[in-house]
Amino acid sequence: MSILDKLSTKHAKDPFDRLIFEKNLRAKQLIIEKEMDLMVVIFNNGAIFKMRISDYPKLKKANNKQLQQWKFIGGGIGVRWELLDEDLSIKGFIKTAALNEALRNLQGQPSKKKSVA
């Protein structure tokens, strides 16, 4: 068995990597509403994930025009904002949103937006 064969049959241990690389989870659409501090990712499995723009420092500082100039990278495993020199992965989106939601709940701050993954 070649090294390439071994790599292609290897299974990811990280549950996020399994979703992305084995189950082929990809971002299909991105909606950004600066005034609402809202970013919505629609995945190819129909899941909709909402997060706050303000959870991402470079995005928070950007104006609406800069935020709207994005492109998917890696076939939908990430998003690139060339003008902001910012790349975000869907794995990072999911982890950051989950962590920030948990921190807000522990601090007793009601969440303005619910995350769904």
Protein backbone atom coordinates (compact mmCIF):
# COMPACT_ATOMS: atom_id res chain seq x y z
CA MET A 1 0.00 0.00 0.00
CA SER A 2 1.42 3.38 -1.00
CA ILE A 3 1.57 6.42 1.28
CA LEU A 4 -1.16 8.07 -0.79
CA ASP A 5 -3.44 5.05 -0.27
CA LYS A 6 -2.80 5.12 3.48
CA LEU A 7 -3.65 8.83 3.67
CA SER A 8 -6.84 8.44 1.66
CA THR A 9 -8.13 5.69 3.94
CA LYS A 10 -7.13 7.42 7.18
CA HIS A 11 -10.03 8.73 9.26
CA ALA A 12 -9.92 12.05 11.08
CA LYS A 13 -10.04 11.96 14.88
CA ASP A 14 -11.37 15.50 15.23
CA PRO A 15 -15.19 15.58 14.82
CA PHE A 16 -15.00 18.87 12.91
CA ASP A 17 -12.47 17.44 10.46
CA ARG A 18 -14.72 14.40 9.98
CA LEU A 19 -17.61 16.69 9.06
CA ILE A 20 -15.51 18.71 6.64
CA PHE A 21 -13.25 16.11 5.05
CA GLU A 22 -15.20 12.86 5.36
CA LYS A 23 -18.79 14.11 5.23
CA ASN A 24 -17.89 16.91 2.78
CA LEU A 25 -19.48 19.75 4.78
CA ARG A 26 -19.07 22.99 2.84
CA ALA A 27 -20.28 26.57 3.09
CA LYS A 28 -22.70 27.21 0.25
CA GLN A 29 -23.73 30.82 0.92
CA LEU A 30 -22.61 33.66 3.16
CA ILE A 31 -24.87 36.54 4.12
CA ILE A 32 -23.42 39.55 5.91
CA GLU A 33 -25.52 42.28 7.57
CA LYS A 34 -23.12 44.75 9.20
CA GLU A 35 -25.88 46.90 10.75
CA MET A 36 -27.32 43.83 12.49
CA ASP A 37 -23.87 42.49 13.53
CA LEU A 38 -24.90 39.31 11.73
CA MET A 39 -23.16 36.79 9.53
CA VAL A 40 -25.08 33.76 8.29
CA VAL A 41 -23.46 30.69 6.76
CA ILE A 42 -25.67 28.29 4.85
CA PHE A 43 -24.10 24.86 4.49
CA ASN A 44 -24.52 22.33 1.70
CA ASN A 45 -26.44 20.04 4.08
CA GLY A 46 -29.12 22.70 4.69
CA ALA A 47 -27.85 23.77 8.12
CA ILE A 48 -27.89 27.50 8.83
CA PHE A 49 -25.34 28.94 11.22
CA LYS A 50 -25.62 32.49 12.62
CA MET A 51 -22.83 34.41 14.29
CA ARG A 52 -21.86 37.92 15.29
CA ILE A 53 -19.51 39.87 13.06
CA SER A 54 -18.16 41.50 16.21
CA ASP A 55 -16.75 38.13 17.32
CA TYR A 56 -14.07 38.56 14.64
CA PRO A 57 -11.83 41.62 15.27
CA LYS A 58 -10.85 42.31 11.63
CA LEU A 59 -14.43 41.92 10.45
CA LYS A 60 -15.75 44.11 13.26
CA LYS A 61 -13.48 46.99 12.17
CA ALA A 62 -14.37 46.63 8.48
CA ASN A 63 -16.96 48.70 6.68
CA ASN A 64 -19.88 47.13 4.84
CA LYS A 65 -18.22 47.44 1.42
CA GLN A 66 -15.13 45.57 2.65
CA LEU A 67 -17.26 42.88 4.29
CA GLN A 68 -19.19 42.23 1.09
CA GLN A 69 -16.01 41.56 -0.90
CA TRP A 70 -15.40 37.95 0.08
CA LYS A 71 -14.93 34.66 -1.75
CA PHE A 72 -15.08 31.01 -0.79
CA ILE A 73 -11.76 29.20 -0.67
CA GLY A 74 -10.99 25.49 -0.68
CA GLY A 75 -14.28 24.68 -2.35
CA GLY A 76 -16.24 26.12 0.58
CA ILE A 77 -14.12 25.12 3.58
CA GLY A 78 -13.20 28.74 4.18
CA VAL A 79 -13.89 32.38 3.33
CA ARG A 80 -11.34 34.95 2.17
CA TRP A 81 -11.54 38.74 2.48
CA GLU A 82 -8.66 39.92 0.29
CA LEU A 83 -9.02 43.61 1.25
CA LEU A 84 -8.90 42.73 4.95
CA ASP A 85 -6.20 40.05 4.57
CA GLU A 86 -8.51 37.70 6.50
CA ASP A 87 -9.19 34.00 6.00
CA LEU A 88 -11.70 32.14 8.14
CA SER A 89 -12.41 28.42 8.00
CA ILE A 90 -15.81 26.88 8.59
CA LYS A 91 -14.16 24.84 11.35
CA GLY A 92 -13.10 28.12 12.96
CA PHE A 93 -16.57 29.62 12.47
CA ILE A 94 -18.18 26.71 14.27
CA LYS A 95 -15.68 26.64 17.14
CA THR A 96 -15.63 30.43 17.66
CA ALA A 97 -19.40 30.73 17.60
CA ALA A 98 -19.83 27.82 20.03
CA LEU A 99 -17.19 29.18 22.42
CA ASN A 100 -18.57 32.73 22.38
CA GLU A 101 -22.13 31.46 22.88
CA ALA A 102 -21.01 29.38 25.88
CA LEU A 103 -19.14 32.35 27.40
CA ARG A 104 -22.15 34.64 26.99
CA ASN A 105 -24.41 32.07 28.64
CA LEU A 106 -21.99 31.58 31.55
CA GLN A 107 -21.73 35.34 32.03
CA GLY A 108 -25.51 35.64 32.08
CA GLN A 109 -25.64 37.64 28.86
CA PRO A 110 -28.58 36.70 26.72
CA SER A 111 -27.59 35.87 23.19
CA LYS A 112 -29.02 38.20 20.55
CA LYS A 113 -28.71 35.50 17.94
CA LYS A 114 -28.92 31.75 18.24
CA SER A 115 -26.31 29.57 16.56
CA VAL A 116 -27.44 26.47 14.75
CA ALA A 117 -24.96 23.95 13.39
